[in-house]
Amino acid sequence: MQIVTAQVETSYAGVCSVPPGFSVVLPDPEFLSLKQGLIAAGEKARVSRIGDYIRPYCGQDLNGKSLLAYRGHGIGDQMIWAGCLRILKSRYPQADIWNYAHPAVNHALWHDPAVLPFRPEHLPIPFLDWKTFHYHLIGEGMCESNREPDQWCIWDNHLGRLGIDPNTVPPEDKRAIVPIDNTDRADAATWLQLRGIASAAPLLLWQLAATSPIRSYPPENTRAALRILADAFPAGAVVVAGADKHLLEYGPFAGNSLPPNVHLCCSESIRTVFALLERAACIVCPDSCFGHAAAALDTPAVSLWSSFHPRDRIKYYPRHLPIYQPVPCGPCRAHERTGATIGCPQQAASTDEADRYCAGLRAIDPQRIANAVQEILP
């Protein structure tokens, strides 16, 4: 974390205006982006590491105390972090917990503070506010760069950072917070109605991709699997959800080339998609946020693994049916770099987009996925 004081007015994430001479605290990636903008404008700023001003939280009694918490950008990371803060709040009900996130993530997820175990706030953090907190809990670098074979399950890793012995937390409490309400459910119902999907139809939700190709099922495999599932469940609806940036990879599924019971849902809000997930009979997902949401909402999931081992992430999710395809180089636990997705590290020099996908995930037969879904769906 960095303390930044610019001598000119600056803008953060296109939504926050910071006056000249006003000191703010930013995580390293956001600081670098701001710094590049200042350099391009020929301006300078005073910059300090936060070290002298951090009061680390590591398990102290929080009743009657204030805690500033921060975790990175990922939707799944935020939801797990929120689940850990809920556990912390249950132990110290009189704690005053503030959770900071990127403005876009904060807006997408945390709408209603009344039902959260923390007060949601967005970056940047005013330095004057930072100094008023009794403790600070910073979640940067918790597992993103960990490729060691003995790394903990992500839940145990996070709880350890909070000074909580993970063995003292019941497995069923190790669940993400999924931010949906009746408005989101109504939006999901409208989305289904507009597509002629009957409320009684079995719903299968397919997550199109994770953040990086290293954790995503390759496009050609996805196309084959969706065709098989569309044929296997003619009375149901297959909803394909994911980010717009991945749609170009799925050209054969554009427009009227879709099988009649396969529907793309790639421009709705994440909360609407979570509401669809809540009512789904089953989901298929890579190592990504949908799997954590499914566990929290008690929705059965077929999840796909190779670059990571299932126990790294879903050790405590009993309704997950993981398909793990080991390969000699896996689990490599390769993750995203800040600001870029890298895909398979063995293919870093390749210019072929197809080489970015994990060989282990590519080796999972689409029929194997369909068979797993059939184990779950009636």
Protein backbone atom coordinates (compact mmCIF):
# COMPACT_ATOMS: atom_id res chain seq x y z
CA MET A 1 0.00 0.00 0.00
CA GLN A 2 1.16 3.54 -0.84
CA ILE A 3 0.33 7.00 0.48
CA VAL A 4 0.00 9.36 -2.48
CA THR A 5 -0.28 13.13 -2.34
CA ALA A 6 -0.52 14.77 -5.76
CA GLN A 7 -0.17 18.50 -6.27
CA VAL A 8 -2.89 18.52 -8.92
CA GLU A 9 -6.43 17.19 -8.97
CA THR A 10 -6.44 13.51 -9.90
CA SER A 11 -9.11 11.06 -10.90
CA TYR A 12 -9.34 7.49 -9.69
CA ALA A 13 -11.12 4.73 -11.67
CA GLY A 14 -13.07 7.42 -13.52
CA VAL A 15 -15.40 7.96 -10.56
CA CYS A 16 -13.41 9.59 -7.76
CA SER A 17 -11.91 13.05 -7.92
CA VAL A 18 -9.02 13.64 -5.50
CA PRO A 19 -8.28 17.32 -4.73
CA PRO A 20 -4.72 18.65 -4.94
CA GLY A 21 -2.71 18.11 -1.79
CA PHE A 22 -5.18 15.49 -0.48
CA SER A 23 -3.41 12.31 0.67
CA VAL A 24 -4.93 8.94 -0.19
CA VAL A 25 -3.91 5.33 0.40
CA LEU A 26 -3.86 3.02 -2.61
CA PRO A 27 -2.88 -0.61 -3.22
CA ASP A 28 0.23 -1.04 -5.36
CA PRO A 29 -1.50 -1.79 -8.72
CA GLU A 30 -3.80 1.23 -8.41
CA PHE A 31 -0.88 3.40 -7.33
CA LEU A 32 1.11 2.40 -10.42
CA SER A 33 -1.81 3.31 -12.67
CA LEU A 34 -2.13 6.72 -10.99
CA LYS A 35 1.62 7.27 -11.16
CA GLN A 36 1.69 6.57 -14.90
CA GLY A 37 -1.07 9.13 -15.42
CA LEU A 38 0.82 11.76 -13.45
CA ILE A 39 4.04 11.08 -15.35
CA ALA A 40 2.19 11.37 -18.66
CA ALA A 41 0.83 14.75 -17.54
CA GLY A 42 4.28 15.92 -16.40
CA GLU A 43 3.18 16.07 -12.77
CA LYS A 44 4.74 14.71 -9.59
CA ALA A 45 3.44 13.39 -6.30
CA ARG A 46 4.76 12.68 -2.83
CA VAL A 47 4.73 8.94 -2.27
CA SER A 48 5.36 6.92 0.90
CA ARG A 49 4.97 3.27 1.79
CA ILE A 50 2.26 2.70 4.37
CA GLY A 51 4.61 0.81 6.70
CA ASP A 52 4.89 3.41 9.48
CA TYR A 53 1.12 3.80 9.64
CA ILE A 54 -0.15 0.22 9.61
CA ARG A 55 -1.43 -1.43 12.76
CA PRO A 56 -1.68 -5.06 11.68
CA TYR A 57 -4.67 -7.10 12.76
CA CYS A 58 -3.79 -10.69 13.63
CA GLY A 59 -6.46 -11.98 15.99
CA GLN A 60 -6.80 -9.28 18.67
CA ASP A 61 -10.12 -8.75 20.46
CA LEU A 62 -12.10 -6.48 18.15
CA ASN A 63 -15.09 -5.71 20.33
CA GLY A 64 -15.36 -1.94 20.57
CA LYS A 65 -12.55 -1.55 18.01
CA SER A 66 -12.46 -0.48 14.36
CA LEU A 67 -10.91 -2.51 11.54
CA LEU A 68 -10.08 -1.42 8.00
CA ALA A 69 -10.02 -4.44 5.62
CA TYR A 70 -8.90 -4.60 2.00
CA ARG A 71 -8.77 -7.39 -0.59
CA GLY A 72 -8.02 -7.26 -4.32
CA HIS A 73 -10.22 -6.97 -7.41
CA GLY A 74 -11.44 -10.49 -8.11
CA ILE A 75 -15.17 -11.08 -7.62
CA GLY A 76 -14.54 -14.51 -6.10
CA ASP A 77 -11.78 -13.12 -3.89
CA GLN A 78 -14.12 -10.42 -2.61
CA MET A 79 -16.91 -12.89 -1.86
CA ILE A 80 -14.61 -15.24 0.07
CA TRP A 81 -13.05 -12.28 1.90
CA ALA A 82 -16.55 -11.14 2.86
CA GLY A 83 -17.32 -14.63 4.17
CA CYS A 84 -14.22 -14.48 6.35
CA LEU A 85 -15.20 -11.06 7.66
CA ARG A 86 -18.60 -12.53 8.54
CA ILE A 87 -16.83 -15.19 10.63
CA LEU A 88 -14.75 -12.46 12.28
CA LYS A 89 -17.84 -10.35 13.00
CA SER A 90 -19.61 -13.36 14.56
CA ARG A 91 -16.73 -13.66 17.02
CA TYR A 92 -16.61 -9.95 17.78
CA PRO A 93 -20.16 -8.61 17.31
CA GLN A 94 -19.22 -5.17 18.60
CA ALA A 95 -16.47 -4.72 16.00
CA ASP A 96 -16.73 -1.85 13.51
CA ILE A 97 -15.44 -3.35 10.24
CA TRP A 98 -14.99 -1.32 7.06
CA ASN A 99 -14.19 -3.20 3.84
CA TYR A 100 -12.60 -1.28 0.96
CA ALA A 101 -12.73 -2.48 -2.66
CA HIS A 102 -12.21 -1.13 -6.15
CA PRO A 103 -15.17 1.17 -7.02
CA ALA A 104 -16.45 -1.12 -9.79
CA VAL A 105 -16.33 -4.20 -7.56
CA ASN A 106 -17.86 -2.35 -4.63
CA HIS A 107 -20.73 -1.15 -6.84
CA ALA A 108 -21.30 -4.55 -8.44
CA LEU A 109 -21.44 -6.51 -5.19
CA TRP A 110 -22.13 -4.60 -2.02
CA HIS A 111 -25.39 -2.71 -2.38
CA ASP A 112 -27.01 -3.11 1.03
CA PRO A 113 -24.82 -2.44 4.10
CA ALA A 114 -27.70 -3.43 6.39
CA VAL A 115 -27.25 -7.12 5.59
CA LEU A 116 -23.44 -7.17 5.50
CA PRO A 117 -21.01 -7.84 8.38
CA PHE A 118 -19.05 -4.74 7.35
CA ARG A 119 -19.49 -1.26 5.96
CA PRO A 120 -18.62 -1.35 2.23
CA GLU A 121 -16.44 1.48 0.96
CA HIS A 122 -14.54 2.07 -2.27
CA LEU A 123 -10.97 3.09 -2.97
CA PRO A 124 -9.07 5.35 -2.62
CA ILE A 125 -8.81 5.46 1.18
CA PRO A 126 -8.39 8.97 2.62
CA PHE A 127 -5.16 8.91 4.61
CA LEU A 128 -6.79 10.82 7.45
CA ASP A 129 -9.41 8.07 7.71
CA TRP A 130 -6.75 5.34 7.56
CA LYS A 131 -5.10 6.77 10.66
CA THR A 132 -8.31 6.65 12.70
CA PHE A 133 -8.67 2.83 12.63
CA HIS A 134 -7.48 0.70 15.50
CA TYR A 135 -6.33 -2.08 13.14
CA HIS A 136 -5.69 -2.74 9.45
CA LEU A 137 -6.20 -6.07 7.66
CA ILE A 138 -4.64 -6.13 4.20
CA GLY A 139 -5.34 -9.10 1.95
CA GLU A 140 -2.88 -8.42 -0.86
CA GLY A 141 -0.63 -11.29 -1.92
CA MET A 142 -2.37 -13.96 0.14
CA CYS A 143 -2.37 -16.76 -2.42
CA GLU A 144 -2.02 -15.21 -5.87
CA SER A 145 1.69 -16.03 -6.20
CA ASN A 146 1.73 -19.25 -4.19
CA ARG A 147 2.73 -22.25 -6.30
CA GLU A 148 3.95 -24.38 -3.42
CA PRO A 149 2.58 -27.96 -3.27
CA ASP A 150 1.64 -27.65 0.41
CA GLN A 151 -0.46 -24.50 0.19
CA TRP A 152 -3.61 -24.43 2.30
CA CYS A 153 -7.15 -24.44 1.07
CA ILE A 154 -8.03 -20.82 0.30
CA TRP A 155 -10.43 -20.70 3.26
CA ASP A 156 -7.83 -21.86 5.75
CA ASN A 157 -5.28 -19.50 4.22
CA HIS A 158 -7.59 -16.51 4.62
CA LEU A 159 -8.70 -17.39 8.13
CA GLY A 160 -5.10 -17.77 9.19
CA ARG A 161 -4.42 -14.22 7.97
CA LEU A 162 -7.26 -13.08 10.23
CA GLY A 163 -5.63 -14.76 13.22
CA ILE A 164 -8.34 -17.44 13.35
CA ASP A 165 -7.46 -21.11 13.72
CA PRO A 166 -9.34 -22.60 10.74
CA ASN A 167 -9.91 -25.81 12.68
CA THR A 168 -12.15 -23.86 15.07
CA VAL A 169 -14.51 -22.85 12.23
CA PRO A 170 -17.19 -25.39 11.19
CA PRO A 171 -16.77 -26.41 7.53
CA GLU A 172 -20.31 -25.26 6.71
CA ASP A 173 -19.38 -21.73 7.83
CA LYS A 174 -16.63 -21.51 5.22
CA ARG A 175 -18.89 -19.97 2.61
CA ALA A 176 -18.75 -16.84 0.49
CA ILE A 177 -21.25 -14.03 0.80
CA VAL A 178 -23.39 -13.89 -2.35
CA PRO A 179 -25.05 -10.47 -2.72
CA ILE A 180 -28.54 -11.05 -4.13
CA ASP A 181 -31.92 -9.75 -3.07
CA ASN A 182 -35.50 -9.91 -4.33
CA THR A 183 -34.81 -7.24 -6.95
CA ASP A 184 -32.08 -9.42 -8.44
CA ARG A 185 -34.40 -12.44 -8.33
CA ALA A 186 -37.09 -10.46 -10.15
CA ASP A 187 -34.54 -9.42 -12.80
CA ALA A 188 -33.54 -13.07 -13.27
CA ALA A 189 -37.20 -14.12 -13.58
CA THR A 190 -37.77 -11.43 -16.22
CA TRP A 191 -34.68 -12.56 -18.14
CA LEU A 192 -36.01 -16.14 -18.22
CA GLN A 193 -39.51 -15.04 -19.18
CA LEU A 194 -38.28 -12.95 -22.11
CA ARG A 195 -36.56 -16.03 -23.50
CA GLY A 196 -39.55 -18.27 -23.07
CA ILE A 197 -37.91 -20.40 -20.40
CA ALA A 198 -40.63 -21.91 -18.22
CA SER A 199 -40.25 -21.42 -14.49
CA ALA A 200 -40.48 -25.19 -14.00
CA ALA A 201 -37.79 -26.01 -16.58
CA PRO A 202 -34.57 -27.49 -15.15
CA LEU A 203 -31.88 -24.86 -15.44
CA LEU A 204 -28.21 -25.70 -16.10
CA LEU A 205 -25.83 -22.77 -15.75
CA TRP A 206 -22.47 -22.94 -17.54
CA GLN A 207 -19.71 -20.47 -16.66
CA LEU A 208 -18.04 -19.45 -19.88
CA ALA A 209 -14.54 -18.76 -18.54
CA ALA A 210 -12.45 -17.86 -15.52
CA THR A 211 -10.31 -14.72 -15.47
CA SER A 212 -7.40 -16.42 -17.22
CA PRO A 213 -7.17 -19.16 -19.88
CA ILE A 214 -5.04 -21.24 -17.48
CA ARG A 215 -8.20 -21.91 -15.43
CA SER A 216 -10.73 -21.92 -18.30
CA TYR A 217 -12.15 -24.79 -20.31
CA PRO A 218 -10.97 -24.24 -23.93
CA PRO A 219 -13.49 -22.82 -26.44
CA GLU A 220 -13.58 -25.86 -28.73
CA ASN A 221 -14.21 -28.17 -25.77
CA THR A 222 -16.91 -25.82 -24.52
CA ARG A 223 -18.71 -25.86 -27.86
CA ALA A 224 -18.71 -29.66 -27.91
CA ALA A 225 -19.87 -29.96 -24.30
CA LEU A 226 -22.74 -27.51 -24.80
CA ARG A 227 -23.97 -29.43 -27.83
CA ILE A 228 -23.95 -32.66 -25.84
CA LEU A 229 -25.77 -31.04 -22.90
CA ALA A 230 -28.34 -29.40 -25.17
CA ASP A 231 -29.16 -32.82 -26.65
CA ALA A 232 -29.08 -34.61 -23.28
CA PHE A 233 -31.51 -32.21 -21.58
CA PRO A 234 -34.04 -31.17 -24.24
CA ALA A 235 -36.64 -30.27 -21.61
CA GLY A 236 -34.23 -28.02 -19.75
CA ALA A 237 -32.49 -24.76 -20.47
CA VAL A 238 -28.72 -24.32 -20.65
CA VAL A 239 -27.69 -20.78 -19.71
CA VAL A 240 -24.15 -19.75 -20.67
CA ALA A 241 -22.93 -16.87 -18.50
CA GLY A 242 -19.65 -15.01 -18.66
CA ALA A 243 -17.92 -11.81 -19.65
CA ASP A 244 -18.50 -10.07 -22.96
CA LYS A 245 -14.79 -10.17 -23.80
CA HIS A 246 -14.98 -13.92 -24.28
CA LEU A 247 -17.89 -13.93 -26.74
CA LEU A 248 -15.69 -13.66 -29.83
CA GLU A 249 -14.28 -17.09 -29.03
CA TYR A 250 -17.76 -18.54 -29.29
CA GLY A 251 -18.77 -17.26 -32.71
CA PRO A 252 -20.52 -20.50 -33.71
CA PHE A 253 -22.92 -19.91 -30.81
CA ALA A 254 -23.85 -16.40 -31.88
CA GLY A 255 -27.40 -15.45 -32.83
CA ASN A 256 -29.62 -18.08 -34.40
CA SER A 257 -26.85 -20.70 -34.53
CA LEU A 258 -27.53 -21.45 -30.86
CA PRO A 259 -29.20 -24.75 -30.09
CA PRO A 260 -32.79 -23.83 -29.20
CA ASN A 261 -32.35 -24.59 -25.49
CA VAL A 262 -28.97 -22.85 -25.06
CA HIS A 263 -29.09 -19.17 -24.09
CA LEU A 264 -26.27 -16.63 -23.73
CA CYS A 265 -26.36 -14.43 -20.63
CA CYS A 266 -23.26 -12.31 -21.00
CA SER A 267 -24.40 -8.75 -20.46
CA GLU A 268 -26.50 -8.99 -17.31
CA SER A 269 -25.24 -7.80 -13.94
CA ILE A 270 -23.33 -10.30 -11.83
CA ARG A 271 -26.09 -10.13 -9.23
CA THR A 272 -28.71 -11.17 -11.82
CA VAL A 273 -26.49 -14.08 -12.83
CA PHE A 274 -26.14 -15.10 -9.17
CA ALA A 275 -29.95 -15.07 -8.93
CA LEU A 276 -30.07 -17.43 -11.93
CA LEU A 277 -27.45 -19.57 -10.24
CA GLU A 278 -29.56 -19.72 -7.09
CA ARG A 279 -32.45 -21.33 -8.96
CA ALA A 280 -30.30 -23.58 -11.18
CA ALA A 281 -30.51 -27.34 -10.77
CA CYS A 282 -26.77 -27.56 -11.47
CA ILE A 283 -23.88 -25.42 -12.65
CA VAL A 284 -20.69 -26.24 -14.55
CA CYS A 285 -17.76 -23.98 -13.74
CA PRO A 286 -13.98 -23.67 -13.76
CA ASP A 287 -12.03 -22.51 -10.71
CA SER A 288 -13.83 -19.19 -10.39
CA CYS A 289 -16.44 -17.17 -8.54
CA PHE A 290 -19.48 -19.17 -9.70
CA GLY A 291 -18.25 -22.21 -7.81
CA HIS A 292 -17.97 -20.28 -4.55
CA ALA A 293 -21.40 -18.75 -5.13
CA ALA A 294 -22.89 -22.20 -5.78
CA ALA A 295 -21.57 -23.54 -2.48
CA ALA A 296 -22.99 -20.56 -0.59
CA LEU A 297 -26.39 -20.96 -2.30
CA ASP A 298 -26.40 -24.77 -1.94
CA THR A 299 -26.54 -25.28 -5.71
CA PRO A 300 -24.88 -28.50 -6.99
CA ALA A 301 -21.81 -27.89 -9.14
CA VAL A 302 -19.62 -29.80 -11.55
CA SER A 303 -16.25 -28.05 -11.43
CA LEU A 304 -13.21 -28.43 -13.71
CA TRP A 305 -9.62 -28.64 -12.43
CA SER A 306 -6.04 -29.21 -13.53
CA SER A 307 -3.77 -26.17 -13.04
CA PHE A 308 -5.11 -26.06 -9.47
CA HIS A 309 -6.13 -29.02 -7.33
CA PRO A 310 -9.76 -29.05 -6.11
CA ARG A 311 -8.67 -29.12 -2.47
CA ASP A 312 -6.98 -25.73 -2.99
CA ARG A 313 -10.37 -24.09 -3.34
CA ILE A 314 -13.40 -26.32 -2.73
CA LYS A 315 -12.29 -28.59 0.09
CA TYR A 316 -15.33 -27.62 2.17
CA TYR A 317 -17.99 -27.68 -0.57
CA PRO A 318 -19.85 -31.03 -0.29
CA ARG A 319 -22.19 -30.42 -3.26
CA HIS A 320 -19.31 -29.94 -5.71
CA LEU A 321 -18.54 -32.82 -8.04
CA PRO A 322 -15.00 -31.96 -9.16
CA ILE A 323 -13.49 -33.32 -12.36
CA TYR A 324 -9.74 -33.26 -11.85
CA GLN A 325 -7.46 -34.06 -14.78
CA PRO A 326 -3.85 -34.34 -13.56
CA VAL A 327 -1.03 -33.78 -16.03
CA PRO A 328 2.75 -34.04 -15.46
CA CYS A 329 3.12 -30.26 -15.09
CA GLY A 330 0.12 -29.84 -12.80
CA PRO A 331 -1.05 -28.63 -10.50
CA CYS A 332 1.17 -25.70 -11.44
CA ARG A 333 -1.05 -23.18 -9.62
CA ALA A 334 -0.25 -20.50 -12.19
CA HIS A 335 -2.37 -17.42 -11.62
CA GLU A 336 -2.93 -14.02 -13.21
CA ARG A 337 -0.31 -11.33 -13.13
CA THR A 338 -1.42 -7.85 -12.18
CA GLY A 339 -2.88 -6.19 -15.22
CA ALA A 340 -2.50 -9.16 -17.56
CA THR A 341 -3.65 -12.73 -18.01
CA ILE A 342 -0.87 -15.13 -18.81
CA GLY A 343 -2.46 -18.50 -19.43
CA CYS A 344 -0.23 -21.56 -19.54
CA PRO A 345 3.28 -20.55 -18.41
CA GLN A 346 4.83 -23.28 -20.60
CA GLN A 347 3.39 -21.50 -23.65
CA ALA A 348 4.29 -17.94 -22.67
CA ALA A 349 6.29 -17.41 -25.87
CA SER A 350 3.49 -18.62 -28.15
CA THR A 351 1.38 -16.15 -30.10
CA ASP A 352 -1.37 -18.74 -30.61
CA GLU A 353 -4.31 -17.98 -28.31
CA ALA A 354 -5.15 -21.68 -28.18
CA ASP A 355 -1.82 -22.39 -26.45
CA ARG A 356 -2.83 -20.30 -23.45
CA TYR A 357 -5.27 -22.96 -22.25
CA CYS A 358 -4.22 -25.65 -19.78
CA ALA A 359 -3.44 -29.02 -21.33
CA GLY A 360 -5.07 -30.75 -18.38
CA LEU A 361 -8.38 -28.93 -18.79
CA ARG A 362 -8.19 -29.54 -22.54
CA ALA A 363 -7.90 -33.27 -21.82
CA ILE A 364 -11.26 -33.37 -20.00
CA ASP A 365 -13.64 -35.08 -22.43
CA PRO A 366 -16.87 -33.07 -22.90
CA GLN A 367 -18.84 -36.27 -22.50
CA ARG A 368 -17.28 -36.72 -19.07
CA ILE A 369 -18.77 -33.38 -18.04
CA ALA A 370 -22.18 -34.35 -19.40
CA ASN A 371 -22.03 -37.64 -17.48
CA ALA A 372 -21.23 -35.76 -14.26
CA VAL A 373 -24.16 -33.41 -14.82
CA GLN A 374 -26.41 -36.43 -15.34
CA GLU A 375 -25.35 -37.72 -11.93
CA ILE A 376 -26.77 -34.54 -10.40
CA LEU A 377 -29.80 -33.69 -12.51
CA PRO A 378 -32.92 -35.89 -12.17
